[in-house]
Amino acid sequence: MHDTDYATTWLPDPTGAAVLRLGGELDINARDPLAEDLLAAIRERRYPGITVDLTDVAFIDSEALSSLLLAYSAARDAGIAYRLTGATGVVQRVLKVAGVLDLAHPPAG
């Protein structure tokens, strides 16, 4: 059990993919448990795709962002689609500054 100031909810997707809805503040305290949750979904559950919904995230720092990027790399290596959705405000700005906003707006196809 991890002490966090954020919430996670796994939701099914009609395509068989998984949606991880995050909420609250994603900071250094969220880094390890967030990475564990995402990597478990990639390595153990083998969904055809994972969507990380950031709609209810109020804040994200570089430590938590590193977990999202670690999961992206693992998903890519496993051939699993991975995208971020719902980023607005400060979260969207952090993704833009980090150069990963395209994960929130993947190309069509």
N, C-alpha and C. Protein backbone atom coordinates (compact mmCIF):
# COMPACT_ATOMS: atom_id res chain seq x y z
N MET A 1 0.85 -1.18 0.00
CA MET A 1 0.00 0.00 0.00
C MET A 1 0.89 1.23 0.00
N HIS A 2 0.55 2.19 -0.82
CA HIS A 2 1.32 3.42 -0.94
C HIS A 2 0.50 4.58 -0.40
N ASP A 3 1.20 5.54 0.22
CA ASP A 3 0.55 6.75 0.70
C ASP A 3 0.61 7.78 -0.43
N THR A 4 -0.54 8.12 -1.01
CA THR A 4 -0.56 9.01 -2.16
C THR A 4 -1.61 10.09 -2.00
N ASP A 5 -1.45 11.16 -2.78
CA ASP A 5 -2.43 12.23 -2.84
C ASP A 5 -3.12 12.22 -4.20
N TYR A 6 -3.19 11.05 -4.80
CA TYR A 6 -3.85 10.93 -6.08
C TYR A 6 -4.71 9.68 -6.06
N ALA A 7 -5.58 9.58 -7.06
CA ALA A 7 -6.48 8.43 -7.14
C ALA A 7 -6.34 7.77 -8.50
N THR A 8 -6.49 6.45 -8.52
CA THR A 8 -6.49 5.72 -9.78
C THR A 8 -7.74 4.87 -9.87
N THR A 9 -8.29 4.80 -11.06
CA THR A 9 -9.43 3.95 -11.33
C THR A 9 -9.23 3.31 -12.69
N TRP A 10 -9.22 1.98 -12.74
CA TRP A 10 -9.14 1.26 -14.01
C TRP A 10 -10.55 1.07 -14.53
N LEU A 11 -10.76 1.42 -15.79
CA LEU A 11 -12.06 1.28 -16.43
C LEU A 11 -11.92 0.44 -17.69
N PRO A 12 -12.90 -0.40 -17.99
CA PRO A 12 -12.85 -1.15 -19.23
C PRO A 12 -13.18 -0.25 -20.42
N ASP A 13 -12.69 -0.62 -21.56
CA ASP A 13 -12.95 0.09 -22.80
C ASP A 13 -13.64 -0.91 -23.73
N PRO A 14 -14.60 -0.48 -24.53
CA PRO A 14 -15.30 -1.43 -25.41
C PRO A 14 -14.38 -2.19 -26.37
N THR A 15 -13.20 -1.65 -26.65
CA THR A 15 -12.27 -2.30 -27.57
C THR A 15 -11.42 -3.36 -26.88
N GLY A 16 -11.56 -3.49 -25.56
CA GLY A 16 -10.72 -4.42 -24.82
C GLY A 16 -9.50 -3.75 -24.21
N ALA A 17 -9.31 -2.50 -24.56
CA ALA A 17 -8.21 -1.73 -23.98
C ALA A 17 -8.56 -1.35 -22.55
N ALA A 18 -7.62 -0.78 -21.86
CA ALA A 18 -7.83 -0.35 -20.48
C ALA A 18 -7.70 1.16 -20.39
N VAL A 19 -8.50 1.76 -19.55
CA VAL A 19 -8.40 3.20 -19.28
C VAL A 19 -8.04 3.36 -17.82
N LEU A 20 -6.95 4.06 -17.57
CA LEU A 20 -6.55 4.39 -16.20
C LEU A 20 -6.88 5.85 -15.98
N ARG A 21 -7.91 6.09 -15.16
CA ARG A 21 -8.30 7.47 -14.85
C ARG A 21 -7.56 7.90 -13.60
N LEU A 22 -6.79 8.97 -13.74
CA LEU A 22 -6.01 9.50 -12.62
C LEU A 22 -6.65 10.78 -12.13
N GLY A 23 -6.47 11.08 -10.86
CA GLY A 23 -6.98 12.32 -10.30
C GLY A 23 -6.10 12.79 -9.17
N GLY A 24 -6.13 14.08 -8.91
CA GLY A 24 -5.35 14.64 -7.81
C GLY A 24 -4.02 15.19 -8.28
N GLU A 25 -3.02 15.08 -7.43
CA GLU A 25 -1.69 15.61 -7.72
C GLU A 25 -0.71 14.47 -7.94
N LEU A 26 -0.07 14.50 -9.10
CA LEU A 26 0.93 13.50 -9.43
C LEU A 26 2.30 14.10 -9.21
N ASP A 27 2.95 13.67 -8.13
CA ASP A 27 4.27 14.20 -7.79
C ASP A 27 5.19 13.05 -7.45
N ILE A 28 6.30 13.34 -6.80
CA ILE A 28 7.29 12.31 -6.48
C ILE A 28 6.68 11.16 -5.69
N ASN A 29 5.69 11.44 -4.86
CA ASN A 29 5.04 10.39 -4.08
C ASN A 29 4.22 9.44 -4.95
N ALA A 30 3.81 9.90 -6.11
CA ALA A 30 3.02 9.08 -7.03
C ALA A 30 3.90 8.29 -7.99
N ARG A 31 5.16 8.69 -8.12
CA ARG A 31 6.03 8.11 -9.15
C ARG A 31 6.07 6.59 -9.13
N ASP A 32 6.47 6.00 -8.03
CA ASP A 32 6.66 4.55 -7.98
C ASP A 32 5.35 3.77 -8.06
N PRO A 33 4.32 4.12 -7.26
CA PRO A 33 3.08 3.36 -7.39
C PRO A 33 2.42 3.51 -8.76
N LEU A 34 2.54 4.69 -9.36
CA LEU A 34 1.98 4.90 -10.69
C LEU A 34 2.70 4.02 -11.71
N ALA A 35 4.03 4.01 -11.64
CA ALA A 35 4.80 3.15 -12.55
C ALA A 35 4.44 1.69 -12.35
N GLU A 36 4.30 1.27 -11.10
CA GLU A 36 3.94 -0.13 -10.81
C GLU A 36 2.58 -0.48 -11.41
N ASP A 37 1.60 0.39 -11.24
CA ASP A 37 0.26 0.14 -11.79
C ASP A 37 0.30 0.01 -13.31
N LEU A 38 0.97 0.95 -13.96
CA LEU A 38 1.02 0.93 -15.42
C LEU A 38 1.81 -0.25 -15.95
N LEU A 39 2.97 -0.51 -15.36
CA LEU A 39 3.80 -1.62 -15.84
C LEU A 39 3.11 -2.96 -15.61
N ALA A 40 2.37 -3.09 -14.53
CA ALA A 40 1.62 -4.33 -14.29
C ALA A 40 0.57 -4.53 -15.39
N ALA A 41 -0.10 -3.46 -15.76
CA ALA A 41 -1.11 -3.56 -16.83
C ALA A 41 -0.47 -3.95 -18.15
N ILE A 42 0.71 -3.44 -18.40
CA ILE A 42 1.41 -3.73 -19.65
C ILE A 42 1.96 -5.15 -19.64
N ARG A 43 2.61 -5.53 -18.56
CA ARG A 43 3.31 -6.82 -18.53
C ARG A 43 2.42 -8.00 -18.18
N GLU A 44 1.40 -7.79 -17.36
CA GLU A 44 0.60 -8.91 -16.87
C GLU A 44 -0.75 -9.04 -17.54
N ARG A 45 -1.43 -7.96 -17.74
CA ARG A 45 -2.80 -8.03 -18.27
C ARG A 45 -2.82 -8.06 -19.79
N ARG A 46 -1.80 -7.52 -20.39
CA ARG A 46 -1.65 -7.55 -21.85
C ARG A 46 -2.87 -6.99 -22.59
N TYR A 47 -3.31 -5.82 -22.19
CA TYR A 47 -4.36 -5.13 -22.92
C TYR A 47 -3.83 -4.74 -24.30
N PRO A 48 -4.69 -4.65 -25.32
CA PRO A 48 -4.23 -4.21 -26.63
C PRO A 48 -3.90 -2.72 -26.64
N GLY A 49 -4.38 -1.99 -25.66
CA GLY A 49 -4.10 -0.57 -25.57
C GLY A 49 -4.35 -0.06 -24.17
N ILE A 50 -3.66 1.01 -23.83
CA ILE A 50 -3.84 1.66 -22.53
C ILE A 50 -4.00 3.15 -22.77
N THR A 51 -5.06 3.70 -22.20
CA THR A 51 -5.29 5.13 -22.23
C THR A 51 -5.19 5.64 -20.80
N VAL A 52 -4.36 6.65 -20.60
CA VAL A 52 -4.22 7.28 -19.29
C VAL A 52 -5.00 8.59 -19.35
N ASP A 53 -6.07 8.66 -18.59
CA ASP A 53 -6.96 9.82 -18.58
C ASP A 53 -6.51 10.78 -17.47
N LEU A 54 -6.04 11.96 -17.89
CA LEU A 54 -5.51 12.96 -16.96
C LEU A 54 -6.51 14.07 -16.66
N THR A 55 -7.76 13.88 -17.02
CA THR A 55 -8.78 14.92 -16.87
C THR A 55 -8.84 15.49 -15.45
N ASP A 56 -8.75 14.64 -14.45
CA ASP A 56 -8.90 15.08 -13.06
C ASP A 56 -7.58 15.30 -12.34
N VAL A 57 -6.49 15.38 -13.10
CA VAL A 57 -5.17 15.63 -12.50
C VAL A 57 -4.97 17.14 -12.42
N ALA A 58 -4.70 17.62 -11.21
CA ALA A 58 -4.52 19.06 -10.98
C ALA A 58 -3.07 19.49 -11.15
N PHE A 59 -2.13 18.56 -10.97
CA PHE A 59 -0.71 18.90 -10.98
C PHE A 59 0.08 17.66 -11.36
N ILE A 60 1.17 17.86 -12.10
CA ILE A 60 2.09 16.77 -12.39
C ILE A 60 3.51 17.34 -12.38
N ASP A 61 4.43 16.61 -11.75
CA ASP A 61 5.82 17.04 -11.77
C ASP A 61 6.64 16.08 -12.62
N SER A 62 7.93 16.37 -12.75
CA SER A 62 8.79 15.57 -13.61
C SER A 62 8.94 14.14 -13.12
N GLU A 63 8.83 13.92 -11.83
CA GLU A 63 8.95 12.57 -11.29
C GLU A 63 7.78 11.70 -11.74
N ALA A 64 6.57 12.22 -11.62
CA ALA A 64 5.40 11.46 -12.06
C ALA A 64 5.38 11.33 -13.58
N LEU A 65 5.80 12.39 -14.26
CA LEU A 65 5.89 12.33 -15.72
C LEU A 65 6.83 11.21 -16.15
N SER A 66 7.91 11.01 -15.40
CA SER A 66 8.84 9.94 -15.75
C SER A 66 8.16 8.58 -15.70
N SER A 67 7.21 8.39 -14.80
CA SER A 67 6.46 7.12 -14.74
C SER A 67 5.59 6.94 -15.98
N LEU A 68 4.95 8.01 -16.41
CA LEU A 68 4.13 7.93 -17.62
C LEU A 68 4.98 7.60 -18.84
N LEU A 69 6.19 8.17 -18.89
CA LEU A 69 7.08 7.93 -20.02
C LEU A 69 7.70 6.54 -19.97
N LEU A 70 8.01 6.07 -18.77
CA LEU A 70 8.51 4.70 -18.61
C LEU A 70 7.45 3.71 -19.12
N ALA A 71 6.21 3.94 -18.76
CA ALA A 71 5.12 3.07 -19.22
C ALA A 71 4.95 3.16 -20.73
N TYR A 72 5.09 4.36 -21.28
CA TYR A 72 5.00 4.52 -22.74
C TYR A 72 6.06 3.67 -23.43
N SER A 73 7.27 3.74 -22.93
CA SER A 73 8.37 2.97 -23.52
C SER A 73 8.10 1.47 -23.43
N ALA A 74 7.64 1.02 -22.27
CA ALA A 74 7.34 -0.41 -22.09
C ALA A 74 6.19 -0.84 -23.00
N ALA A 75 5.17 -0.01 -23.13
CA ALA A 75 4.04 -0.33 -24.00
C ALA A 75 4.49 -0.40 -25.46
N ARG A 76 5.28 0.56 -25.87
CA ARG A 76 5.80 0.56 -27.24
C ARG A 76 6.59 -0.71 -27.52
N ASP A 77 7.47 -1.08 -26.58
CA ASP A 77 8.28 -2.29 -26.74
C ASP A 77 7.42 -3.55 -26.80
N ALA A 78 6.28 -3.53 -26.11
CA ALA A 78 5.37 -4.68 -26.08
C ALA A 78 4.35 -4.66 -27.21
N GLY A 79 4.38 -3.61 -28.03
CA GLY A 79 3.43 -3.49 -29.12
C GLY A 79 2.03 -3.11 -28.67
N ILE A 80 1.94 -2.42 -27.55
CA ILE A 80 0.65 -2.01 -26.99
C ILE A 80 0.45 -0.51 -27.23
N ALA A 81 -0.71 -0.15 -27.77
CA ALA A 81 -1.02 1.26 -27.97
C ALA A 81 -1.09 1.96 -26.62
N TYR A 82 -0.60 3.19 -26.56
CA TYR A 82 -0.54 3.94 -25.30
C TYR A 82 -0.78 5.40 -25.62
N ARG A 83 -1.69 6.00 -24.90
CA ARG A 83 -1.93 7.43 -25.11
C ARG A 83 -2.39 8.09 -23.83
N LEU A 84 -2.21 9.38 -23.80
CA LEU A 84 -2.66 10.21 -22.70
C LEU A 84 -3.84 11.03 -23.20
N THR A 85 -4.84 11.21 -22.36
CA THR A 85 -5.98 12.04 -22.74
C THR A 85 -6.33 12.98 -21.58
N GLY A 86 -7.09 14.02 -21.91
CA GLY A 86 -7.66 14.88 -20.89
C GLY A 86 -6.72 15.89 -20.25
N ALA A 87 -5.51 16.03 -20.78
CA ALA A 87 -4.57 16.98 -20.19
C ALA A 87 -5.01 18.41 -20.49
N THR A 88 -5.15 19.22 -19.44
CA THR A 88 -5.50 20.62 -19.59
C THR A 88 -4.65 21.44 -18.62
N GLY A 89 -4.68 22.74 -18.79
CA GLY A 89 -4.03 23.65 -17.85
C GLY A 89 -2.57 23.33 -17.63
N VAL A 90 -2.17 23.30 -16.36
CA VAL A 90 -0.77 23.10 -16.00
C VAL A 90 -0.27 21.73 -16.46
N VAL A 91 -1.13 20.73 -16.45
CA VAL A 91 -0.72 19.39 -16.88
C VAL A 91 -0.38 19.41 -18.37
N GLN A 92 -1.21 20.06 -19.16
CA GLN A 92 -0.94 20.18 -20.59
C GLN A 92 0.35 20.96 -20.84
N ARG A 93 0.58 22.01 -20.06
CA ARG A 93 1.81 22.79 -20.23
C ARG A 93 3.05 21.96 -19.90
N VAL A 94 2.98 21.15 -18.86
CA VAL A 94 4.11 20.29 -18.50
C VAL A 94 4.39 19.30 -19.63
N LEU A 95 3.35 18.70 -20.19
CA LEU A 95 3.54 17.77 -21.31
C LEU A 95 4.16 18.48 -22.50
N LYS A 96 3.73 19.71 -22.75
CA LYS A 96 4.26 20.47 -23.88
C LYS A 96 5.73 20.80 -23.65
N VAL A 97 6.07 21.30 -22.48
CA VAL A 97 7.46 21.65 -22.17
C VAL A 97 8.36 20.42 -22.25
N ALA A 98 7.83 19.28 -21.82
CA ALA A 98 8.60 18.03 -21.85
C ALA A 98 8.71 17.45 -23.26
N GLY A 99 7.96 18.02 -24.20
CA GLY A 99 8.02 17.54 -25.57
C GLY A 99 7.24 16.26 -25.81
N VAL A 100 6.26 15.97 -24.96
CA VAL A 100 5.50 14.73 -25.10
C VAL A 100 4.00 14.99 -25.28
N LEU A 101 3.66 16.19 -25.67
CA LEU A 101 2.25 16.50 -25.87
C LEU A 101 1.64 15.62 -26.96
N ASP A 102 2.47 15.13 -27.89
CA ASP A 102 1.95 14.26 -28.95
C ASP A 102 1.38 12.95 -28.40
N LEU A 103 1.79 12.54 -27.20
CA LEU A 103 1.18 11.36 -26.58
C LEU A 103 -0.27 11.64 -26.20
N ALA A 104 -0.57 12.92 -25.99
CA ALA A 104 -1.94 13.31 -25.67
C ALA A 104 -2.76 13.55 -26.94
N HIS A 105 -2.07 13.70 -28.04
CA HIS A 105 -2.73 13.91 -29.34
C HIS A 105 -2.03 13.05 -30.38
N PRO A 106 -2.13 11.71 -30.26
CA PRO A 106 -1.43 10.85 -31.21
C PRO A 106 -1.96 11.03 -32.62
N PRO A 107 -1.10 10.82 -33.62
CA PRO A 107 -1.55 10.95 -35.00
C PRO A 107 -2.61 9.90 -35.33
N ALA A 108 -3.51 10.25 -36.21
CA ALA A 108 -4.56 9.31 -36.62
C ALA A 108 -3.94 8.16 -37.41
N GLY A 109 -4.58 7.01 -37.30
CA GLY A 109 -4.13 5.89 -38.11
C GLY A 109 -3.80 4.79 -37.28
